[in-house]
Amino acid sequence: MTFGAYSLPVGSIGIEITENVFIDRPDKTRQVLDKLKNMGLNFLLDDFGTGFSSMRHIRTIPFNGLKIDRSSAAGVNRDYEMAVLVKAMINMAHSLNLSVVAEGVECEGELQFLQDHDCDNEQAYLHGRPMPAEHFFDLLQAARP
């Protein structure tokens, strides 16, 4: 089964959500997310590690994964205390069957640390710079079989 004009496999689209979307209308927001999840969309809790993440939300909202904030991932290969925290975030997420994305990975040392500790994915200038949407669609078209 595919999703959208680019025939993406269901489950390949992830929407990043910050917890503040649940503050004003948590029940309505949950209903909308449940419907979208049933269509095959994935949700990631964005900015995890910035101090705003509620453990209750991680358990009760249909997230597929967590995004470790850049402020936590930066220099993780050189900062022992942050390394301990990031490892704990990865282990906690995996224990809850959530995937983990680290954002802002900018050097090989950070990438290696995250890979060594089973981080599932990274977003990074190391892989590519931000680009206008039309360039991204060109990349998608070029990658199509």
Foldseek 3Di string as FASTA:
>chain_A
DADDPLRHRQQPAEDEDEPVVCVPPVVVVQVVQVVVVVVRYAYEHEQPPPPPDDPVCVPPHRHQAYEHELVLLPPLLPDVVSVVVVLVRCVVCVVVNHAYEYEADEDPSSVVSCVVSPRPYYHYVNVNDDDDPVVVVVVSVVPDD
